[in-house]
PDB file of N, CA and C in Angstrom:
ATOM      1  N   MET A   1      -2.460  33.614   5.461  1.00  0.00           N
ATOM      2  CA  MET A   1      -1.887  32.929   6.587  1.00  0.00           C
ATOM      3  C   MET A   1      -2.554  33.436   7.858  1.00  0.00           C
ATOM      4  N   SER A   2      -2.746  32.552   8.762  1.00  0.00           N
ATOM      5  CA  SER A   2      -3.359  32.944  10.019  1.00  0.00           C
ATOM      6  C   SER A   2      -2.298  33.029  11.101  1.00  0.00           C
ATOM      7  N   SER A   3      -2.567  33.839  12.089  1.00  0.00           N
ATOM      8  CA  SER A   3      -1.631  33.976  13.191  1.00  0.00           C
ATOM      9  C   SER A   3      -1.826  32.815  14.161  1.00  0.00           C
ATOM     10  N   PRO A   4      -0.778  32.459  14.922  1.00  0.00           N
ATOM     11  CA  PRO A   4      -0.908  31.338  15.855  1.00  0.00           C
ATOM     12  C   PRO A   4      -1.890  31.673  16.970  1.00  0.00           C
ATOM     13  N   PRO A   5      -2.544  30.651  17.505  1.00  0.00           N
ATOM     14  CA  PRO A   5      -3.468  30.899  18.611  1.00  0.00           C
ATOM     15  C   PRO A   5      -2.744  31.515  19.802  1.00  0.00           C
ATOM     16  N   SER A   6      -3.478  32.227  20.629  1.00  0.00           N
ATOM     17  CA  SER A   6      -2.870  32.971  21.723  1.00  0.00           C
ATOM     18  C   SER A   6      -2.339  32.067  22.830  1.00  0.00           C
ATOM     19  N   ASP A   7      -2.809  30.824  22.941  1.00  0.00           N
ATOM     20  CA  ASP A   7      -2.333  29.953  24.014  1.00  0.00           C
ATOM     21  C   ASP A   7      -1.000  29.273  23.681  1.00  0.00           C
ATOM     22  N   GLN A   8      -0.520  29.394  22.440  1.00  0.00           N
ATOM     23  CA  GLN A   8       0.767  28.807  22.077  1.00  0.00           C
ATOM     24  C   GLN A   8       1.865  29.854  22.209  1.00  0.00           C
ATOM     25  N   GLN A   9       3.005  29.421  22.670  1.00  0.00           N
ATOM     26  CA  GLN A   9       4.132  30.322  22.798  1.00  0.00           C
ATOM     27  C   GLN A   9       4.987  30.241  21.552  1.00  0.00           C
ATOM     28  N   VAL A  10       5.416  31.375  21.079  1.00  0.00           N
ATOM     29  CA  VAL A  10       6.315  31.423  19.939  1.00  0.00           C
ATOM     30  C   VAL A  10       7.725  31.578  20.502  1.00  0.00           C
ATOM     31  N   VAL A  11       8.590  30.610  20.211  1.00  0.00           N
ATOM     32  CA  VAL A  11       9.942  30.614  20.744  1.00  0.00           C
ATOM     33  C   VAL A  11      10.884  31.073  19.648  1.00  0.00           C
ATOM     34  N   SER A  12      11.653  32.093  19.947  1.00  0.00           N
ATOM     35  CA  SER A  12      12.632  32.566  18.974  1.00  0.00           C
ATOM     36  C   SER A  12      14.013  32.157  19.444  1.00  0.00           C
ATOM     37  N   PRO A  13      14.907  31.797  18.508  1.00  0.00           N
ATOM     38  CA  PRO A  13      16.250  31.386  18.910  1.00  0.00           C
ATOM     39  C   PRO A  13      17.033  32.578  19.451  1.00  0.00           C
ATOM     40  N   THR A  14      17.817  32.331  20.459  1.00  0.00           N
ATOM     41  CA  THR A  14      18.654  33.379  21.020  1.00  0.00           C
ATOM     42  C   THR A  14      20.078  33.192  20.557  1.00  0.00           C
ATOM     43  N   SER A  15      20.897  34.177  20.802  1.00  0.00           N
ATOM     44  CA  SER A  15      22.284  34.095  20.353  1.00  0.00           C
ATOM     45  C   SER A  15      23.099  33.114  21.183  1.00  0.00           C
ATOM     46  N   THR A  16      22.602  32.735  22.364  1.00  0.00           N
ATOM     47  CA  THR A  16      23.350  31.812  23.206  1.00  0.00           C
ATOM     48  C   THR A  16      22.980  30.361  22.965  1.00  0.00           C
ATOM     49  N   SER A  17      21.991  30.089  22.117  1.00  0.00           N
ATOM     50  CA  SER A  17      21.601  28.705  21.882  1.00  0.00           C
ATOM     51  C   SER A  17      22.602  28.026  20.949  1.00  0.00           C
ATOM     52  N   ARG A  18      22.899  26.768  21.243  1.00  0.00           N
ATOM     53  CA  ARG A  18      23.803  25.990  20.409  1.00  0.00           C
ATOM     54  C   ARG A  18      22.967  25.190  19.427  1.00  0.00           C
ATOM     55  N   PRO A  19      23.487  24.938  18.222  1.00  0.00           N
ATOM     56  CA  PRO A  19      22.672  24.266  17.215  1.00  0.00           C
ATOM     57  C   PRO A  19      22.272  22.841  17.582  1.00  0.00           C
ATOM     58  N   PHE A  20      23.119  22.093  18.264  1.00  0.00           N
ATOM     59  CA  PHE A  20      22.805  20.701  18.570  1.00  0.00           C
ATOM     60  C   PHE A  20      22.623  20.450  20.056  1.00  0.00           C
ATOM     61  N   GLY A  21      22.801  21.477  20.862  1.00  0.00           N
ATOM     62  CA  GLY A  21      22.605  21.327  22.287  1.00  0.00           C
ATOM     63  C   GLY A  21      23.487  20.245  22.876  1.00  0.00           C
ATOM     64  N   ASP A  22      22.895  19.348  23.627  1.00  0.00           N
ATOM     65  CA  ASP A  22      23.639  18.270  24.251  1.00  0.00           C
ATOM     66  C   ASP A  22      23.421  16.939  23.552  1.00  0.00           C
ATOM     67  N   CYS A  23      22.984  16.947  22.328  1.00  0.00           N
ATOM     68  CA  CYS A  23      22.715  15.718  21.595  1.00  0.00           C
ATOM     69  C   CYS A  23      24.028  15.180  21.026  1.00  0.00           C
ATOM     70  N   TRP A  24      24.616  14.209  21.726  1.00  0.00           N
ATOM     71  CA  TRP A  24      25.903  13.650  21.326  1.00  0.00           C
ATOM     72  C   TRP A  24      25.822  12.980  19.961  1.00  0.00           C
ATOM     73  N   GLY A  25      24.734  12.252  19.708  1.00  0.00           N
ATOM     74  CA  GLY A  25      24.587  11.559  18.428  1.00  0.00           C
ATOM     75  C   GLY A  25      24.507  12.529  17.262  1.00  0.00           C
ATOM     76  N   CYS A  26      23.806  13.642  17.467  1.00  0.00           N
ATOM     77  CA  CYS A  26      23.692  14.646  16.401  1.00  0.00           C
ATOM     78  C   CYS A  26      25.041  15.268  16.089  1.00  0.00           C
ATOM     79  N   ARG A  27      25.796  15.599  17.142  1.00  0.00           N
ATOM     80  CA  ARG A  27      27.115  16.192  16.936  1.00  0.00           C
ATOM     81  C   ARG A  27      28.059  15.209  16.278  1.00  0.00           C
ATOM     82  N   LEU A  28      28.004  13.944  16.688  1.00  0.00           N
ATOM     83  CA  LEU A  28      28.894  12.932  16.128  1.00  0.00           C
ATOM     84  C   LEU A  28      28.571  12.659  14.660  1.00  0.00           C
ATOM     85  N   LEU A  29      27.296  12.577  14.336  1.00  0.00           N
ATOM     86  CA  LEU A  29      26.893  12.291  12.961  1.00  0.00           C
ATOM     87  C   LEU A  29      27.252  13.440  12.018  1.00  0.00           C
ATOM     88  N   SER A  30      26.900  14.659  12.390  1.00  0.00           N
ATOM     89  CA  SER A  30      27.184  15.780  11.494  1.00  0.00           C
ATOM     90  C   SER A  30      28.675  16.112  11.471  1.00  0.00           C
ATOM     91  N   GLY A  31      29.359  16.024  12.611  1.00  0.00           N
ATOM     92  CA  GLY A  31      30.799  16.264  12.623  1.00  0.00           C
ATOM     93  C   GLY A  31      31.562  15.208  11.839  1.00  0.00           C
ATOM     94  N   GLY A  32      31.125  13.954  11.970  1.00  0.00           N
ATOM     95  CA  GLY A  32      31.757  12.888  11.185  1.00  0.00           C
ATOM     96  C   GLY A  32      31.517  13.061   9.697  1.00  0.00           C
ATOM     97  N   GLY A  33      30.337  13.525   9.344  1.00  0.00           N
ATOM     98  CA  GLY A  33      30.050  13.797   7.935  1.00  0.00           C
ATOM     99  C   GLY A  33      30.932  14.904   7.387  1.00  0.00           C
ATOM    100  N   LEU A  34      31.153  15.942   8.193  1.00  0.00           N
ATOM    101  CA  LEU A  34      32.041  17.017   7.754  1.00  0.00           C
ATOM    102  C   LEU A  34      33.481  16.533   7.636  1.00  0.00           C
ATOM    103  N   LEU A  35      33.916  15.689   8.568  1.00  0.00           N
ATOM    104  CA  LEU A  35      35.267  15.128   8.471  1.00  0.00           C
ATOM    105  C   LEU A  35      35.435  14.278   7.219  1.00  0.00           C
ATOM    106  N   LEU A  36      34.452  13.430   6.945  1.00  0.00           N
ATOM    107  CA  LEU A  36      34.534  12.585   5.748  1.00  0.00           C
ATOM    108  C   LEU A  36      34.480  13.403   4.460  1.00  0.00           C
ATOM    109  N   SER A  37      33.658  14.436   4.425  1.00  0.00           N
ATOM    110  CA  SER A  37      33.594  15.255   3.216  1.00  0.00           C
ATOM    111  C   SER A  37      34.887  16.049   3.031  1.00  0.00           C
ATOM    112  N   GLY A  38      35.506  16.483   4.124  1.00  0.00           N
ATOM    113  CA  GLY A  38      36.811  17.127   4.007  1.00  0.00           C
ATOM    114  C   GLY A  38      37.867  16.167   3.478  1.00  0.00           C
ATOM    115  N   GLY A  39      37.811  14.912   3.946  1.00  0.00           N
ATOM    116  CA  GLY A  39      38.738  13.903   3.430  1.00  0.00           C
ATOM    117  C   GLY A  39      38.521  13.617   1.956  1.00  0.00           C
ATOM    118  N   TYR A  40      37.261  13.608   1.534  1.00  0.00           N
ATOM    119  CA  TYR A  40      36.954  13.363   0.120  1.00  0.00           C
ATOM    120  C   TYR A  40      37.475  14.497  -0.759  1.00  0.00           C
ATOM    121  N   VAL A  41      37.264  15.729  -0.341  1.00  0.00           N
ATOM    122  CA  VAL A  41      37.737  16.874  -1.127  1.00  0.00           C
ATOM    123  C   VAL A  41      39.265  16.872  -1.183  1.00  0.00           C
ATOM    124  N   PHE A  42      39.911  16.566  -0.056  1.00  0.00           N
ATOM    125  CA  PHE A  42      41.372  16.500  -0.031  1.00  0.00           C
ATOM    126  C   PHE A  42      41.887  15.392  -0.940  1.00  0.00           C
ATOM    127  N   HIS A  43      41.211  14.238  -0.917  1.00  0.00           N
ATOM    128  CA  HIS A  43      41.621  13.122  -1.771  1.00  0.00           C
ATOM    129  C   HIS A  43      41.492  13.483  -3.252  1.00  0.00           C
ATOM    130  N   ALA A  44      40.437  14.202  -3.600  1.00  0.00           N
ATOM    131  CA  ALA A  44      40.255  14.603  -4.999  1.00  0.00           C
ATOM    132  C   ALA A  44      41.359  15.560  -5.441  1.00  0.00           C
ATOM    133  N   ALA A  45      41.769  16.461  -4.562  1.00  0.00           N
ATOM    134  CA  ALA A  45      42.849  17.388  -4.912  1.00  0.00           C
ATOM    135  C   ALA A  45      44.184  16.650  -5.017  1.00  0.00           C
ATOM    136  N   ARG A  46      44.429  15.712  -4.108  1.00  0.00           N
ATOM    137  CA  ARG A  46      45.678  14.954  -4.156  1.00  0.00           C
ATOM    138  C   ARG A  46      45.746  14.053  -5.383  1.00  0.00           C
ATOM    139  N   ARG A  47      44.602  13.542  -5.827  1.00  0.00           N
ATOM    140  CA  ARG A  47      44.584  12.666  -6.998  1.00  0.00           C
ATOM    141  C   ARG A  47      45.037  13.436  -8.240  1.00  0.00           C
ATOM    142  N   VAL A  48      44.634  14.693  -8.359  1.00  0.00           N
ATOM    143  CA  VAL A  48      45.052  15.512  -9.498  1.00  0.00           C
ATOM    144  C   VAL A  48      46.556  15.740  -9.453  1.00  0.00           C
ATOM    145  N   MET A  49      47.090  15.994  -8.272  1.00  0.00           N
ATOM    146  CA  MET A  49      48.532  16.237  -8.161  1.00  0.00           C
ATOM    147  C   MET A  49      49.327  14.955  -8.383  1.00  0.00           C
ATOM    148  N   ARG A  50      48.799  13.808  -7.947  1.00  0.00           N
ATOM    149  CA  ARG A  50      49.505  12.533  -8.150  1.00  0.00           C
ATOM    150  C   ARG A  50      49.560  12.143  -9.613  1.00  0.00           C
ATOM    151  N   GLN A  51      48.561  12.531 -10.393  1.00  0.00           N
ATOM    152  CA  GLN A  51      48.538  12.179 -11.810  1.00  0.00           C
ATOM    153  C   GLN A  51      49.468  13.063 -12.631  1.00  0.00           C
ATOM    154  N   GLY A  52      50.192  13.947 -11.969  1.00  0.00           N
ATOM    155  CA  GLY A  52      51.156  14.781 -12.673  1.00  0.00           C
ATOM    156  C   GLY A  52      50.584  16.106 -13.129  1.00  0.00           C
ATOM    157  N   GLY A  53      49.404  16.427 -12.691  1.00  0.00           N
ATOM    158  CA  GLY A  53      48.814  17.707 -13.050  1.00  0.00           C
ATOM    159  C   GLY A  53      49.496  18.844 -12.316  1.00  0.00           C
ATOM    160  N   PRO A  54      49.451  20.015 -12.905  1.00  0.00           N
ATOM    161  CA  PRO A  54      50.106  21.150 -12.246  1.00  0.00           C
ATOM    162  C   PRO A  54      49.337  21.566 -10.982  1.00  0.00           C
ATOM    163  N   THR A  55      50.085  22.060 -10.009  1.00  0.00           N
ATOM    164  CA  THR A  55      49.460  22.559  -8.791  1.00  0.00           C
ATOM    165  C   THR A  55      48.986  23.974  -9.060  1.00  0.00           C
ATOM    166  N   SER A  56      47.706  24.093  -9.325  1.00  0.00           N
ATOM    167  CA  SER A  56      47.146  25.403  -9.649  1.00  0.00           C
ATOM    168  C   SER A  56      46.520  26.022  -8.414  1.00  0.00           C
ATOM    169  N   MET A  57      46.037  27.232  -8.549  1.00  0.00           N
ATOM    170  CA  MET A  57      45.358  27.905  -7.445  1.00  0.00           C
ATOM    171  C   MET A  57      44.061  27.187  -7.084  1.00  0.00           C
ATOM    172  N   GLY A  58      43.441  26.536  -8.057  1.00  0.00           N
ATOM    173  CA  GLY A  58      42.227  25.773  -7.779  1.00  0.00           C
ATOM    174  C   GLY A  58      42.497  24.575  -6.880  1.00  0.00           C
ATOM    175  N   THR A  59      43.623  23.908  -7.113  1.00  0.00           N
ATOM    176  CA  THR A  59      43.994  22.767  -6.280  1.00  0.00           C
ATOM    177  C   THR A  59      44.324  23.217  -4.864  1.00  0.00           C
ATOM    178  N   VAL A  60      45.025  24.330  -4.752  1.00  0.00           N
ATOM    179  CA  VAL A  60      45.339  24.869  -3.436  1.00  0.00           C
ATOM    180  C   VAL A  60      44.056  25.275  -2.714  1.00  0.00           C
ATOM    181  N   ALA A  61      43.128  25.871  -3.433  1.00  0.00           N
ATOM    182  CA  ALA A  61      41.848  26.264  -2.836  1.00  0.00           C
ATOM    183  C   ALA A  61      41.070  25.026  -2.377  1.00  0.00           C
ATOM    184  N   GLN A  62      41.150  23.942  -3.126  1.00  0.00           N
ATOM    185  CA  GLN A  62      40.488  22.702  -2.721  1.00  0.00           C
ATOM    186  C   GLN A  62      41.075  22.164  -1.421  1.00  0.00           C
ATOM    187  N   ILE A  63      42.381  22.198  -1.294  1.00  0.00           N
ATOM    188  CA  ILE A  63      43.025  21.694  -0.090  1.00  0.00           C
ATOM    189  C   ILE A  63      42.679  22.569   1.111  1.00  0.00           C
ATOM    190  N   VAL A  64      42.661  23.875   0.915  1.00  0.00           N
ATOM    191  CA  VAL A  64      42.295  24.782   2.007  1.00  0.00           C
ATOM    192  C   VAL A  64      40.838  24.564   2.409  1.00  0.00           C
ATOM    193  N   PHE A  65      39.966  24.382   1.432  1.00  0.00           N
ATOM    194  CA  PHE A  65      38.553  24.125   1.721  1.00  0.00           C
ATOM    195  C   PHE A  65      38.388  22.797   2.471  1.00  0.00           C
ATOM    196  N   ALA A  66      39.162  21.784   2.085  1.00  0.00           N
ATOM    197  CA  ALA A  66      39.110  20.491   2.774  1.00  0.00           C
ATOM    198  C   ALA A  66      39.568  20.631   4.221  1.00  0.00           C
ATOM    199  N   ALA A  67      40.608  21.417   4.450  1.00  0.00           N
ATOM    200  CA  ALA A  67      41.074  21.643   5.820  1.00  0.00           C
ATOM    201  C   ALA A  67      40.020  22.378   6.632  1.00  0.00           C
ATOM    202  N   GLY A  68      39.325  23.307   6.016  1.00  0.00           N
ATOM    203  CA  GLY A  68      38.256  24.024   6.702  1.00  0.00           C
ATOM    204  C   GLY A  68      37.103  23.108   7.067  1.00  0.00           C
ATOM    205  N   LEU A  69      36.713  22.229   6.151  1.00  0.00           N
ATOM    206  CA  LEU A  69      35.635  21.284   6.441  1.00  0.00           C
ATOM    207  C   LEU A  69      36.013  20.342   7.584  1.00  0.00           C
ATOM    208  N   ALA A  70      37.241  19.835   7.541  1.00  0.00           N
ATOM    209  CA  ALA A  70      37.679  18.904   8.577  1.00  0.00           C
ATOM    210  C   ALA A  70      37.768  19.585   9.941  1.00  0.00           C
ATOM    211  N   SER A  71      38.270  20.805   9.965  1.00  0.00           N
ATOM    212  CA  SER A  71      38.365  21.496  11.248  1.00  0.00           C
ATOM    213  C   SER A  71      36.992  21.867  11.782  1.00  0.00           C
ATOM    214  N   TRP A  72      36.063  22.192  10.906  1.00  0.00           N
ATOM    215  CA  TRP A  72      34.693  22.465  11.331  1.00  0.00           C
ATOM    216  C   TRP A  72      34.066  21.207  11.940  1.00  0.00           C
ATOM    217  N   GLY A  73      34.347  20.058  11.347  1.00  0.00           N
ATOM    218  CA  GLY A  73      33.844  18.806  11.890  1.00  0.00           C
ATOM    219  C   GLY A  73      34.421  18.499  13.264  1.00  0.00           C
ATOM    220  N   ILE A  74      35.716  18.763  13.452  1.00  0.00           N
ATOM    221  CA  ILE A  74      36.339  18.524  14.749  1.00  0.00           C
ATOM    222  C   ILE A  74      35.758  19.448  15.806  1.00  0.00           C
ATOM    223  N   VAL A  75      35.560  20.706  15.446  1.00  0.00           N
ATOM    224  CA  VAL A  75      34.978  21.660  16.394  1.00  0.00           C
ATOM    225  C   VAL A  75      33.557  21.252  16.752  1.00  0.00           C
ATOM    226  N   LEU A  76      32.814  20.781  15.786  1.00  0.00           N
ATOM    227  CA  LEU A  76      31.434  20.375  16.056  1.00  0.00           C
ATOM    228  C   LEU A  76      31.382  19.156  16.969  1.00  0.00           C
ATOM    229  N   ILE A  77      32.302  18.225  16.802  1.00  0.00           N
ATOM    230  CA  ILE A  77      32.318  17.034  17.651  1.00  0.00           C
ATOM    231  C   ILE A  77      32.781  17.375  19.067  1.00  0.00           C
ATOM    232  N   THR A  78      33.835  18.156  19.199  1.00  0.00           N
ATOM    233  CA  THR A  78      34.380  18.444  20.524  1.00  0.00           C
ATOM    234  C   THR A  78      33.547  19.447  21.301  1.00  0.00           C
ATOM    235  N   ASP A  79      32.808  20.323  20.648  1.00  0.00           N
ATOM    236  CA  ASP A  79      31.916  21.304  21.268  1.00  0.00           C
ATOM    237  C   ASP A  79      32.632  22.127  22.333  1.00  0.00           C
ATOM    238  N   PRO A  80      33.649  22.926  21.950  1.00  0.00           N
ATOM    239  CA  PRO A  80      34.382  23.682  22.963  1.00  0.00           C
ATOM    240  C   PRO A  80      33.567  24.785  23.623  1.00  0.00           C
ATOM    241  N   VAL A  81      32.563  25.320  22.959  1.00  0.00           N
ATOM    242  CA  VAL A  81      31.764  26.399  23.537  1.00  0.00           C
ATOM    243  C   VAL A  81      30.885  25.854  24.659  1.00  0.00           C
ATOM    244  N   GLY A  82      30.334  24.682  24.515  1.00  0.00           N
ATOM    245  CA  GLY A  82      29.479  24.115  25.524  1.00  0.00           C
ATOM    246  C   GLY A  82      30.230  23.719  26.780  1.00  0.00           C
ATOM    247  N   LYS A  83      31.527  23.454  26.655  1.00  0.00           N
ATOM    248  CA  LYS A  83      32.318  23.042  27.820  1.00  0.00           C
ATOM    249  C   LYS A  83      32.952  24.218  28.541  1.00  0.00           C
ATOM    250  N   ALA A  84      32.924  25.377  27.940  1.00  0.00           N
ATOM    251  CA  ALA A  84      33.564  26.542  28.534  1.00  0.00           C
ATOM    252  C   ALA A  84      32.588  27.298  29.426  1.00  0.00           C
ATOM    253  N   THR A  85      32.264  26.719  30.547  1.00  0.00           N
ATOM    254  CA  THR A  85      31.361  27.384  31.479  1.00  0.00           C
ATOM    255  C   THR A  85      32.175  27.971  32.614  1.00  0.00           C
ATOM    256  N   ARG A  86      31.779  29.143  33.041  1.00  0.00           N
ATOM    257  CA  ARG A  86      32.471  29.808  34.139  1.00  0.00           C
ATOM    258  C   ARG A  86      31.994  29.289  35.462  1.00  0.00           C
ATOM    259  N   LYS A  87      32.906  29.056  36.342  1.00  0.00           N
ATOM    260  CA  LYS A  87      32.550  28.648  37.701  1.00  0.00           C
ATOM    261  C   LYS A  87      32.866  29.809  38.623  1.00  0.00           C
ATOM    262  N   ALA A  88      31.853  30.270  39.303  1.00  0.00           N
ATOM    263  CA  ALA A  88      32.046  31.431  40.184  1.00  0.00           C
ATOM    264  C   ALA A  88      32.458  31.042  41.571  1.00  0.00           C
TER     265      ALA A  88
END
């Protein structure tokens, strides 16, 4: 492998960079995908319980995982970190 030429800058991500920045479409698409996948996982867990299956720890774990996916999607869409700027 060769090293990059000296006239190019190598940019490293910092801890303050946001994954999607100000791209509304990117946040909406990925957040909506997370919301839909959380709904799908929740629906699969509810289908097992509706069919009369026992509520096992696996079903509870599925519901908790679905809630986590959905909340992650909501956080990604609303972007609370990007809106929390200090005004001096």
